[in-house]
N, C-alpha and C. Protein backbone atom coordinates (compact mmCIF):
# COMPACT_ATOMS: atom_id res chain seq x y z
N MET A 1 10.82 -5.82 -17.65
CA MET A 1 10.72 -4.93 -17.04
C MET A 1 10.40 -5.31 -15.64
N VAL A 2 11.12 -4.34 -14.63
CA VAL A 2 10.88 -4.77 -13.69
C VAL A 2 10.36 -3.60 -12.76
N SER A 3 8.90 -4.21 -11.78
CA SER A 3 8.29 -2.96 -11.26
C SER A 3 8.91 -3.19 -9.85
N TYR A 4 8.81 -1.64 -9.26
CA TYR A 4 9.20 -1.34 -7.65
C TYR A 4 7.66 -0.88 -7.29
N LEU A 5 7.61 -1.07 -5.83
CA LEU A 5 6.55 -0.40 -5.29
C LEU A 5 7.02 -0.25 -3.72
N ILE A 6 6.67 0.96 -3.40
CA ILE A 6 6.89 1.58 -2.22
C ILE A 6 5.49 1.81 -1.38
N GLU A 7 5.51 0.66 -0.17
CA GLU A 7 3.93 0.86 0.24
C GLU A 7 3.93 0.68 1.59
N LEU A 8 2.68 1.11 2.41
CA LEU A 8 2.59 1.12 3.83
C LEU A 8 1.62 -0.14 4.04
N ARG A 9 2.55 -1.11 5.06
CA ARG A 9 1.45 -2.22 5.69
C ARG A 9 1.30 -2.01 6.47
N PHE A 10 -0.04 -2.67 6.72
CA PHE A 10 -0.66 -3.07 8.08
C PHE A 10 -0.27 -3.58 9.10
N LYS A 11 -0.28 -3.08 10.45
CA LYS A 11 0.30 -4.15 11.37
C LYS A 11 -0.55 -4.66 12.32
N GLY A 12 -0.16 -5.69 12.86
CA GLY A 12 -1.02 -5.96 14.34
C GLY A 12 -2.04 -6.61 14.15
N ALA A 13 -3.14 -5.83 14.86
CA ALA A 13 -4.33 -6.42 14.86
C ALA A 13 -5.20 -5.64 13.82
N ALA A 14 -5.08 -4.58 13.06
CA ALA A 14 -5.37 -4.02 12.13
C ALA A 14 -5.43 -4.90 10.87
N ASN A 15 -3.73 -5.37 10.73
CA ASN A 15 -3.40 -6.54 9.72
C ASN A 15 -4.36 -7.71 9.66
N LYS A 16 -4.72 -8.11 11.05
CA LYS A 16 -5.10 -9.38 11.08
C LYS A 16 -6.84 -9.48 10.30
N GLU A 17 -7.55 -7.83 10.99
CA GLU A 17 -9.02 -7.76 10.60
C GLU A 17 -9.07 -7.70 9.37
N LEU A 18 -8.09 -7.09 8.65
CA LEU A 18 -7.94 -6.89 7.00
C LEU A 18 -7.67 -7.85 6.34
N LYS A 19 -7.20 -8.84 6.35
CA LYS A 19 -7.06 -10.35 6.24
C LYS A 19 -8.23 -10.78 5.98
N ARG A 20 -8.94 -10.98 7.39
CA ARG A 20 -10.32 -11.48 7.73
C ARG A 20 -11.42 -11.06 6.72
N ILE A 21 -11.21 -9.55 5.94
CA ILE A 21 -12.32 -9.08 5.69
C ILE A 21 -11.78 -9.51 4.23
N ILE A 22 -10.84 -9.76 3.83
CA ILE A 22 -10.37 -9.95 2.01
C ILE A 22 -10.69 -11.38 2.29
N HIS A 23 -10.51 -12.03 2.75
CA HIS A 23 -10.68 -13.60 2.86
C HIS A 23 -12.59 -13.79 2.89
N ARG A 24 -13.38 -13.22 3.77
CA ARG A 24 -14.71 -13.19 3.66
C ARG A 24 -15.16 -12.64 2.26
N ALA A 25 -14.89 -11.77 1.65
CA ALA A 25 -14.91 -11.06 0.66
C ALA A 25 -14.75 -12.51 -0.38
N TYR A 26 -13.64 -13.01 -0.48
CA TYR A 26 -13.50 -13.82 -1.31
C TYR A 26 -14.45 -14.82 -0.95
N ARG A 27 -14.77 -15.56 -0.26
CA ARG A 27 -15.90 -16.47 0.53
C ARG A 27 -17.36 -16.01 -0.04
N PHE A 28 -17.15 -15.21 0.18
CA PHE A 28 -18.75 -14.46 -0.26
C PHE A 28 -18.97 -14.69 -2.07
N LEU A 29 -17.82 -14.46 -2.92
CA LEU A 29 -18.15 -14.43 -4.07
C LEU A 29 -17.77 -15.64 -4.51
N GLY A 30 -17.56 -16.86 -3.51
CA GLY A 30 -17.45 -18.37 -3.96
C GLY A 30 -15.80 -18.98 -4.82
N TYR A 31 -14.78 -17.80 -4.34
CA TYR A 31 -13.84 -18.57 -4.53
C TYR A 31 -12.85 -17.90 -3.40
N ARG A 32 -11.14 -18.69 -3.48
CA ARG A 32 -9.91 -18.08 -2.85
C ARG A 32 -8.89 -17.61 -3.56
N PRO A 33 -8.35 -16.60 -2.80
CA PRO A 33 -7.29 -15.48 -3.60
C PRO A 33 -6.15 -16.65 -4.01
N LYS A 34 -5.54 -16.03 -5.18
CA LYS A 34 -4.62 -17.29 -5.69
C LYS A 34 -3.06 -16.86 -4.77
N LYS A 35 -2.92 -15.82 -3.88
CA LYS A 35 -1.93 -15.94 -2.85
C LYS A 35 -2.28 -15.29 -1.73
N GLN A 36 -1.67 -15.61 -0.79
CA GLN A 36 -1.83 -14.42 0.90
C GLN A 36 -2.13 -13.42 0.31
N PRO A 37 -3.23 -12.52 1.08
CA PRO A 37 -3.13 -11.23 0.71
C PRO A 37 -2.33 -10.68 1.95
N VAL A 38 -2.34 -9.33 1.42
CA VAL A 38 -0.96 -8.60 2.33
C VAL A 38 -1.55 -7.13 2.36
N PRO A 39 -2.39 -6.99 3.52
CA PRO A 39 -3.10 -5.67 3.35
C PRO A 39 -2.17 -4.61 3.23
N HIS A 40 -2.18 -3.32 2.57
CA HIS A 40 -1.47 -2.55 2.13
C HIS A 40 -1.88 -1.03 1.22
N VAL A 41 -1.22 -0.32 1.43
CA VAL A 41 -1.68 0.62 0.66
C VAL A 41 -0.21 1.20 -0.29
N SER A 42 -0.50 1.13 -1.50
CA SER A 42 0.28 1.53 -2.19
C SER A 42 0.87 3.01 -2.54
N VAL A 43 2.37 3.59 -1.76
CA VAL A 43 2.54 5.06 -1.75
C VAL A 43 2.91 5.51 -3.27
N VAL A 44 3.85 4.63 -3.80
CA VAL A 44 4.68 5.17 -5.16
C VAL A 44 4.74 3.41 -6.07
N VAL A 45 4.39 4.14 -7.16
CA VAL A 45 4.47 2.82 -7.79
C VAL A 45 5.65 3.04 -9.14
N ILE A 46 6.49 1.99 -9.04
CA ILE A 46 7.79 2.25 -10.35
C ILE A 46 7.76 1.55 -11.05
N GLN A 47 7.18 1.80 -12.64
CA GLN A 47 7.30 0.47 -13.45
C GLN A 47 8.44 0.18 -14.10
N ASN A 48 9.88 1.45 -14.19
CA ASN A 48 10.88 1.03 -14.92
C ASN A 48 11.85 2.05 -13.64
N CYS A 49 13.16 1.19 -13.55
CA CYS A 49 13.90 1.97 -12.83
C CYS A 49 15.48 1.49 -13.53
N ARG A 50 15.93 2.86 -13.38
CA ARG A 50 17.50 2.37 -14.45
C ARG A 50 18.68 2.45 -13.17
N SER A 51 18.44 2.82 -12.03
CA SER A 51 19.17 2.09 -11.21
C SER A 51 18.74 1.90 -9.86
N GLU A 52 18.55 0.57 -9.64
CA GLU A 52 18.15 -0.03 -8.60
C GLU A 52 19.19 0.75 -6.76
N LYS A 53 20.46 0.96 -7.43
CA LYS A 53 20.97 1.04 -5.76
C LYS A 53 21.08 2.63 -5.66
N ARG A 54 20.26 3.79 -6.78
CA ARG A 54 20.17 4.94 -6.51
C ARG A 54 19.20 5.05 -5.83
N LEU A 55 17.76 3.89 -6.32
CA LEU A 55 16.81 4.21 -5.56
C LEU A 55 16.58 4.13 -3.98
N ILE A 56 17.33 2.89 -3.37
CA ILE A 56 17.26 2.20 -2.55
C ILE A 56 18.23 3.56 -1.79
N GLN A 57 19.17 4.33 -2.04
CA GLN A 57 19.56 5.27 -1.48
C GLN A 57 18.66 6.36 -1.17
N ASP A 58 17.92 6.83 -2.34
CA ASP A 58 16.87 7.88 -2.36
C ASP A 58 15.93 7.92 -1.31
N PHE A 59 15.49 5.99 -1.29
CA PHE A 59 14.19 6.03 -0.37
C PHE A 59 14.77 6.13 1.28
N ALA A 60 16.13 5.53 1.21
CA ALA A 60 16.52 5.77 2.77
C ALA A 60 16.99 7.06 3.36
N GLN A 61 17.38 7.58 2.21
CA GLN A 61 17.71 9.22 2.66
C GLN A 61 16.37 9.85 3.06
N ILE A 62 15.48 9.97 1.94
CA ILE A 62 14.12 10.64 2.25
C ILE A 62 13.33 10.37 3.51
N CYS A 63 13.60 9.01 3.87
CA CYS A 63 12.84 8.65 4.93
C CYS A 63 13.22 8.98 5.95
N SER A 64 14.52 9.04 6.35
CA SER A 64 15.69 9.12 7.78
C SER A 64 15.64 11.10 7.54
N LYS A 65 15.29 11.62 6.64
CA LYS A 65 15.06 13.32 6.87
C LYS A 65 13.87 13.93 6.97
N HIS A 66 12.66 12.68 6.72
CA HIS A 66 11.46 13.43 7.17
C HIS A 66 11.03 13.59 8.61
N LYS A 67 10.69 14.50 8.77
CA LYS A 67 10.29 14.87 10.23
C LYS A 67 8.98 14.91 10.59
N ASP A 68 8.30 15.00 9.25
CA ASP A 68 6.58 14.71 9.73
C ASP A 68 5.92 14.32 10.29
N PHE A 69 5.19 13.91 10.93
CA PHE A 69 4.25 13.37 11.65
C PHE A 69 3.42 12.78 10.72
N MET A 70 3.34 11.17 10.50
CA MET A 70 2.82 10.62 9.14
C MET A 70 1.44 9.60 10.34
N LYS A 71 0.05 10.13 9.90
CA LYS A 71 -0.81 9.28 10.20
C LYS A 71 -1.61 9.07 9.10
N TYR A 72 -2.45 8.15 9.08
CA TYR A 72 -3.32 7.69 8.36
C TYR A 72 -4.87 7.10 8.79
N ARG A 73 -6.18 6.95 8.44
CA ARG A 73 -7.25 6.54 8.45
C ARG A 73 -8.07 5.87 7.83
N VAL A 74 -8.36 4.95 8.18
CA VAL A 74 -8.81 3.92 6.83
C VAL A 74 -10.58 3.44 7.26
N CYS A 75 -11.35 4.53 6.11
CA CYS A 75 -12.96 4.35 6.86
C CYS A 75 -13.66 4.59 5.48
N GLY A 76 -14.70 3.42 5.60
CA GLY A 76 -15.84 3.33 4.12
C GLY A 76 -15.37 2.05 3.35
N VAL A 77 -16.04 2.11 2.42
CA VAL A 77 -15.61 1.35 0.94
C VAL A 77 -16.07 1.96 -0.24
N GLY A 78 -14.95 1.85 -1.27
CA GLY A 78 -14.69 2.36 -2.63
C GLY A 78 -14.88 1.63 -3.65
N THR A 79 -14.89 2.18 -4.70
CA THR A 79 -14.64 1.32 -5.49
C THR A 79 -13.90 1.93 -7.24
N PHE A 80 -12.96 1.41 -8.15
CA PHE A 80 -12.57 1.77 -9.36
C PHE A 80 -13.49 0.97 -10.11
N PHE A 81 -14.68 1.39 -10.70
CA PHE A 81 -15.51 0.70 -11.53
C PHE A 81 -14.91 -0.01 -12.87
N ARG A 82 -14.39 0.97 -13.61
CA ARG A 82 -13.47 0.32 -15.08
C ARG A 82 -13.13 -0.90 -14.58
N THR A 83 -11.93 -1.15 -13.65
CA THR A 83 -11.34 -2.24 -13.07
C THR A 83 -11.73 -2.98 -12.38
N GLY A 84 -13.32 -3.00 -11.61
CA GLY A 84 -13.51 -4.09 -11.03
C GLY A 84 -12.96 -4.29 -10.02
N VAL A 85 -12.28 -2.84 -9.04
CA VAL A 85 -11.53 -2.94 -7.83
C VAL A 85 -12.61 -2.72 -6.74
N VAL A 86 -12.92 -2.99 -6.23
CA VAL A 86 -13.23 -2.74 -4.46
C VAL A 86 -12.54 -2.64 -3.53
N PHE A 87 -12.32 -1.59 -2.44
CA PHE A 87 -11.72 -1.05 -1.74
C PHE A 87 -12.36 -0.43 -0.46
N LEU A 88 -10.97 -0.31 0.57
CA LEU A 88 -11.50 0.32 1.91
C LEU A 88 -10.80 1.55 1.77
N LYS A 89 -11.60 2.63 1.66
CA LYS A 89 -10.50 4.13 1.81
C LYS A 89 -9.78 4.48 2.64
N VAL A 90 -8.56 4.97 2.26
CA VAL A 90 -7.66 5.54 3.11
C VAL A 90 -7.26 6.84 3.29
N TYR A 91 -7.37 7.44 3.94
CA TYR A 91 -7.15 8.84 4.02
C TYR A 91 -5.67 9.30 4.93
N PRO A 92 -4.57 9.78 4.40
CA PRO A 92 -3.63 10.09 4.47
C PRO A 92 -3.30 11.27 5.10
N ASN A 93 -2.95 11.36 6.28
CA ASN A 93 -2.58 12.95 6.61
C ASN A 93 -1.62 13.54 5.68
N LYS A 94 -1.23 15.05 6.14
CA LYS A 94 -0.34 16.10 5.05
C LYS A 94 0.87 15.36 5.04
N GLY A 95 1.56 15.04 6.32
CA GLY A 95 2.88 14.68 6.24
C GLY A 95 2.93 13.30 5.42
N LEU A 96 2.22 12.27 5.16
CA LEU A 96 2.19 11.12 4.69
C LEU A 96 2.14 11.29 2.92
N LYS A 97 1.43 12.38 2.72
CA LYS A 97 1.19 13.33 1.44
C LYS A 97 2.38 13.98 0.66
N LYS A 98 3.17 14.40 1.86
CA LYS A 98 4.34 15.17 1.36
C LYS A 98 5.62 14.33 1.05
N LEU A 99 5.80 13.32 1.80
CA LEU A 99 6.56 11.99 2.18
C LEU A 99 6.41 11.82 0.48
N ARG A 100 5.52 11.14 0.30
CA ARG A 100 5.02 10.86 -1.15
C ARG A 100 5.72 11.55 -2.45
N ARG A 101 5.27 12.68 -1.92
CA ARG A 101 5.63 13.95 -3.23
C ARG A 101 6.92 14.06 -3.38
N LYS A 102 7.86 14.15 -1.93
CA LYS A 102 9.27 13.83 -1.80
C LYS A 102 9.76 12.46 -2.49
N LEU A 103 9.39 11.60 -2.49
CA LEU A 103 9.87 10.46 -3.01
C LEU A 103 9.88 10.26 -4.66
N ILE A 104 8.35 10.92 -4.88
CA ILE A 104 8.44 11.31 -6.80
C ILE A 104 9.39 11.98 -7.31
N ARG A 105 9.30 13.06 -6.59
CA ARG A 105 10.17 14.10 -7.19
C ARG A 105 11.55 13.71 -7.16
N ARG A 106 11.93 13.07 -6.39
CA ARG A 106 13.68 12.67 -6.17
C ARG A 106 13.67 11.48 -7.25
N THR A 107 12.87 11.02 -7.68
CA THR A 107 13.24 9.52 -8.38
C THR A 107 12.76 9.52 -9.76
N ARG A 108 12.00 10.72 -9.97
CA ARG A 108 11.60 11.37 -11.54
C ARG A 108 12.54 11.04 -12.38
N SER A 109 13.98 11.57 -12.19
CA SER A 109 14.87 11.25 -13.28
C SER A 109 15.39 10.12 -13.73
N TYR A 110 15.17 9.24 -13.20
CA TYR A 110 15.74 7.19 -13.35
C TYR A 110 14.61 6.88 -12.95
N THR A 111 13.08 7.15 -13.05
CA THR A 111 12.51 6.20 -12.95
C THR A 111 10.91 6.44 -13.80
N ALA A 112 10.06 5.40 -14.11
CA ALA A 112 8.85 5.75 -14.67
C ALA A 112 7.61 5.27 -13.89
N ARG A 113 6.73 5.93 -14.11
CA ARG A 113 5.51 5.58 -12.97
C ARG A 113 4.34 5.03 -14.26
N PRO A 114 2.84 4.57 -13.48
CA PRO A 114 2.20 4.68 -14.73
C PRO A 114 1.21 5.88 -15.00
N SER A 115 0.76 5.90 -16.16
CA SER A 115 0.47 7.32 -16.51
C SER A 115 -0.80 7.55 -15.60
N HIS A 116 -1.40 6.91 -15.20
CA HIS A 116 -2.66 7.45 -14.30
C HIS A 116 -2.41 7.47 -13.01
N GLU A 117 -1.15 7.39 -12.41
CA GLU A 117 -0.45 8.16 -11.51
C GLU A 117 -0.30 9.41 -11.30
N LYS A 118 -0.56 10.23 -10.49
CA LYS A 118 -0.54 11.85 -10.49
C LYS A 118 0.17 12.05 -9.31
N VAL A 119 1.30 13.17 -9.46
CA VAL A 119 1.71 13.37 -8.01
C VAL A 119 0.98 14.12 -7.06
N TRP A 120 0.03 14.95 -7.10
CA TRP A 120 -0.57 15.52 -6.58
C TRP A 120 -2.18 14.77 -6.12
N SER A 121 -2.52 14.40 -7.20
CA SER A 121 -3.89 13.29 -6.52
C SER A 121 -3.68 12.21 -6.41
N TRP A 122 -3.89 11.86 -5.07
CA TRP A 122 -3.43 10.29 -4.93
C TRP A 122 -4.52 9.80 -4.08
N LYS A 123 -5.23 8.62 -4.64
CA LYS A 123 -6.45 7.74 -4.28
C LYS A 123 -5.78 6.99 -3.26
N ALA A 124 -5.23 6.99 -2.17
CA ALA A 124 -4.89 5.99 -1.22
C ALA A 124 -6.11 5.03 -0.85
N HIS A 125 -5.90 3.69 -1.07
CA HIS A 125 -6.95 2.63 -0.48
C HIS A 125 -6.51 1.47 -0.13
N MET A 126 -6.97 0.75 0.14
CA MET A 126 -6.54 -0.75 0.23
C MET A 126 -7.57 -1.81 0.12
N THR A 127 -6.86 -2.40 -1.10
CA THR A 127 -7.76 -3.23 -2.37
C THR A 127 -8.09 -4.49 -1.20
N ILE A 128 -9.60 -4.74 -1.43
CA ILE A 128 -10.02 -6.14 -1.06
C ILE A 128 -10.18 -7.00 -1.95
N ALA A 129 -10.47 -6.35 -3.18
CA ALA A 129 -10.39 -7.71 -4.17
C ALA A 129 -10.67 -6.70 -5.74
N LEU A 130 -9.64 -7.16 -6.66
CA LEU A 130 -9.71 -6.55 -8.06
C LEU A 130 -10.08 -7.44 -9.25
N LYS A 131 -10.33 -6.76 -10.39
CA LYS A 131 -10.82 -7.46 -11.77
C LYS A 131 -11.48 -8.69 -11.19
N LEU A 132 -12.53 -8.07 -11.00
CA LEU A 132 -13.70 -8.94 -10.96
C LEU A 132 -14.58 -8.39 -12.16
N SER A 133 -15.42 -9.54 -12.56
CA SER A 133 -16.40 -9.32 -13.18
C SER A 133 -17.76 -8.36 -13.02
N PHE A 134 -18.20 -8.46 -14.02
CA PHE A 134 -18.75 -6.77 -13.33
C PHE A 134 -20.11 -7.50 -12.39
N TRP A 135 -20.54 -8.44 -12.42
CA TRP A 135 -21.77 -9.00 -11.80
C TRP A 135 -20.92 -9.24 -10.32
N ARG A 136 -20.05 -9.76 -10.30
CA ARG A 136 -19.28 -10.01 -9.07
C ARG A 136 -19.02 -8.62 -8.28
N PHE A 137 -18.04 -7.94 -9.25
CA PHE A 137 -18.47 -6.27 -8.67
C PHE A 137 -19.45 -5.61 -7.99
N ILE A 138 -20.70 -5.69 -8.63
CA ILE A 138 -21.72 -5.28 -8.21
C ILE A 138 -22.22 -5.84 -6.73
N LYS A 139 -21.99 -7.41 -6.79
CA LYS A 139 -22.38 -8.08 -5.81
C LYS A 139 -21.52 -7.70 -4.71
N LEU A 140 -20.30 -7.66 -4.43
CA LEU A 140 -19.87 -7.69 -3.63
C LEU A 140 -19.65 -6.11 -3.09
N TRP A 141 -19.51 -5.15 -3.96
CA TRP A 141 -19.63 -3.72 -3.91
C TRP A 141 -20.90 -3.61 -2.37
N TRP A 142 -22.13 -4.28 -2.94
CA TRP A 142 -23.46 -3.94 -2.43
C TRP A 142 -23.76 -4.73 -1.01
N HIS A 143 -22.79 -6.04 -0.91
CA HIS A 143 -22.53 -6.79 0.26
C HIS A 143 -21.38 -5.86 1.16
N MET A 144 -20.55 -5.05 0.73
CA MET A 144 -19.38 -4.34 1.44
C MET A 144 -20.49 -3.27 2.20
N ARG A 145 -20.85 -2.22 1.31
CA ARG A 145 -21.75 -1.01 1.78
C ARG A 145 -22.71 -1.51 3.04
N LYS A 146 -23.62 -2.78 3.03
CA LYS A 146 -24.22 -3.18 3.94
C LYS A 146 -23.85 -3.55 5.05
N ARG A 147 -22.37 -4.28 5.31
CA ARG A 147 -21.53 -4.83 6.34
C ARG A 147 -21.11 -3.19 7.05
N SER A 148 -20.56 -3.69 8.43
CA SER A 148 -19.97 -2.35 8.71
C SER A 148 -18.60 -2.18 8.45
N THR A 149 -18.11 -1.33 8.09
CA THR A 149 -16.56 -1.52 7.59
C THR A 149 -15.60 -1.36 8.83
N PRO A 150 -14.08 -1.23 9.11
CA PRO A 150 -13.67 -1.31 10.04
C PRO A 150 -13.11 0.31 10.02
N SER A 151 -12.98 0.92 11.18
CA SER A 151 -12.43 2.06 11.20
C SER A 151 -11.13 2.09 12.05
N TYR A 152 -10.05 2.83 11.17
CA TYR A 152 -8.68 2.27 11.94
C TYR A 152 -8.34 4.02 11.89
N LYS A 153 -7.20 4.04 13.00
CA LYS A 153 -6.70 5.56 12.97
C LYS A 153 -4.96 4.74 13.59
N HIS A 154 -3.84 4.92 12.68
CA HIS A 154 -2.78 4.81 12.83
C HIS A 154 -1.65 5.67 12.47
N ARG A 155 -0.75 5.39 13.13
CA ARG A 155 0.65 6.20 12.85
C ARG A 155 1.52 5.37 11.76
N VAL A 156 2.15 5.90 10.84
CA VAL A 156 3.26 5.07 10.17
C VAL A 156 4.19 4.65 10.77
N LEU A 157 4.51 3.18 10.85
CA LEU A 157 5.40 2.68 11.58
C LEU A 157 6.83 2.55 10.41
N SER A 158 6.13 2.21 9.44
CA SER A 158 7.27 1.84 8.53
C SER A 158 7.18 1.92 6.89
N LEU A 159 7.96 2.01 5.89
CA LEU A 159 7.09 1.76 4.44
C LEU A 159 8.18 0.91 4.01
N THR A 160 7.42 0.15 2.85
CA THR A 160 8.22 -1.25 2.32
C THR A 160 8.63 -0.93 1.16
N LEU A 161 10.04 -1.36 0.75
CA LEU A 161 10.18 -1.18 -0.52
C LEU A 161 10.28 -2.29 -1.47
N LEU A 162 9.39 -2.79 -2.25
CA LEU A 162 9.53 -4.18 -3.02
C LEU A 162 9.74 -3.93 -4.12
N LYS A 163 10.08 -5.38 -4.60
CA LYS A 163 10.62 -5.59 -5.94
C LYS A 163 10.28 -6.80 -6.84
N LYS A 164 9.54 -6.45 -7.73
CA LYS A 164 8.60 -7.53 -8.18
C LYS A 164 7.95 -8.76 -7.10
N GLY A 165 7.46 -7.86 -6.47
CA GLY A 165 6.61 -8.07 -5.14
C GLY A 165 7.22 -8.98 -3.96
N LYS A 166 8.31 -8.66 -3.85
CA LYS A 166 9.20 -9.19 -2.92
C LYS A 166 10.01 -7.89 -1.91
N ILE A 167 9.84 -8.03 -0.74
CA ILE A 167 10.98 -6.75 0.24
C ILE A 167 11.85 -6.97 -0.37
N LEU A 168 12.62 -5.57 -0.57
CA LEU A 168 13.86 -5.29 -1.01
C LEU A 168 14.47 -4.29 0.06
N ARG A 169 13.89 -3.63 0.69
CA ARG A 169 14.24 -2.82 1.77
C ARG A 169 12.83 -2.53 2.61
N GLU A 170 13.24 -2.15 3.90
CA GLU A 170 11.91 -1.31 4.61
C GLU A 170 13.31 -0.27 5.65
N TYR A 171 11.83 0.79 5.95
CA TYR A 171 12.32 1.88 6.44
C TYR A 171 11.59 1.72 7.58
N ASP A 172 12.35 1.64 8.81
CA ASP A 172 11.35 1.42 9.90
C ASP A 172 11.46 3.10 10.78
N PHE A 173 10.35 3.74 10.76
CA PHE A 173 10.25 5.18 11.23
C PHE A 173 10.65 4.88 13.18
N VAL A 174 10.44 3.98 14.32
CA VAL A 174 10.31 4.11 15.30
C VAL A 174 11.72 3.78 15.73
N ARG A 175 12.81 3.04 15.15
CA ARG A 175 14.15 2.96 15.14
C ARG A 175 14.74 3.97 14.25
N ASN A 176 14.45 3.95 13.38
CA ASN A 176 14.73 5.57 12.08
C ASN A 176 16.28 4.48 11.66
N GLN A 177 16.15 3.47 10.93
CA GLN A 177 17.11 2.79 10.01
C GLN A 177 16.36 2.09 9.15
N LEU A 178 17.55 1.81 7.97
CA LEU A 178 17.26 1.01 7.02
C LEU A 178 17.31 -0.51 7.05
N LEU A 179 16.28 -1.47 6.70
CA LEU A 179 16.35 -2.67 7.01
C LEU A 179 16.59 -3.48 6.02
N THR A 180 17.35 -4.43 5.77
CA THR A 180 17.09 -5.49 4.95
C THR A 180 16.19 -6.51 4.91
N ARG A 181 15.94 -7.47 3.64
CA ARG A 181 15.01 -7.58 3.88
C ARG A 181 14.72 -8.99 4.77
N ARG A 182 16.21 -9.94 4.85
CA ARG A 182 16.04 -10.61 6.33
C ARG A 182 15.59 -9.81 7.30
N GLN A 183 15.95 -8.58 7.98
CA GLN A 183 15.52 -7.93 9.23
C GLN A 183 14.49 -7.99 9.08
N ALA A 184 13.55 -7.32 7.86
CA ALA A 184 12.00 -6.65 7.85
C ALA A 184 11.33 -8.25 8.11
N LEU A 185 11.72 -8.98 7.37
CA LEU A 185 11.14 -10.06 7.50
C LEU A 185 11.42 -11.00 9.45
N GLY A 186 12.34 -11.15 9.64
CA GLY A 186 12.36 -10.86 11.07
C GLY A 186 11.73 -10.42 12.13
N LYS A 187 12.08 -9.22 11.87
CA LYS A 187 10.99 -8.11 12.79
C LYS A 187 9.62 -8.99 12.82
N ARG A 188 8.81 -9.18 11.62
CA ARG A 188 7.28 -9.43 11.54
C ARG A 188 7.23 -10.73 12.03
N ARG A 189 8.04 -11.49 12.44
CA ARG A 189 7.79 -12.85 12.94
C ARG A 189 8.10 -12.94 14.83
N ARG A 190 8.37 -11.70 14.71
CA ARG A 190 8.37 -11.38 16.74
C ARG A 190 7.13 -11.15 17.19
C-alpha cells in the first residue's frame, strides 16, 4: 500500500532551530535518530490512493485557487500518551484549516485516510520524538516542560506532497506554482 502525505515544512532559521531541538532530545535520551529529522506538520495523511495523477491535479488546483492568508504559530509542548509521542504544539489559522478541509473533501472519493484522522478536529503538531518507551517518554516530557520552548509565528510559504516519504510535488505559494521534486530540492539548496 502506497502512502502519501501533504505536509508543511519549516524553512530557514525555524528549521535549523527545530532540528537542534530534535537532536538535543535524542541526545538527552541517549541515542541518535535513525534518519535526519525533517521538521514538519502533517496536514493530510493518505494511506491509499487509486489515482496518483488525480491527486497531483487536485493538490495543484486547490492550492492555486486558495486565496485565504495562511499562518501558523508554534508554541508549547504536548504529548500523545498512548503512542509515546512528544511534540511541539502548532496552532494553524482558519485559512490553513480551510485548505486542509478542501483537500480532504476533494480527495475523499479516491483515497483512504487513517481512522483517527478527522476532517474537523485536527491536532496540528511538530513531532520531537515518537514511539518512546514509557520511561523515556516521561523523562523527555518532563525535560521539555522545564526547558524554554521556541515560539514562532510564520506564514505558509509552501506545501509538500510526499510519496513514500519522498517529495513528489511542492506547491510554492510565493510564486504560485507547482514544483517537481527536482525543482523543490533545487530551491532548498539556494
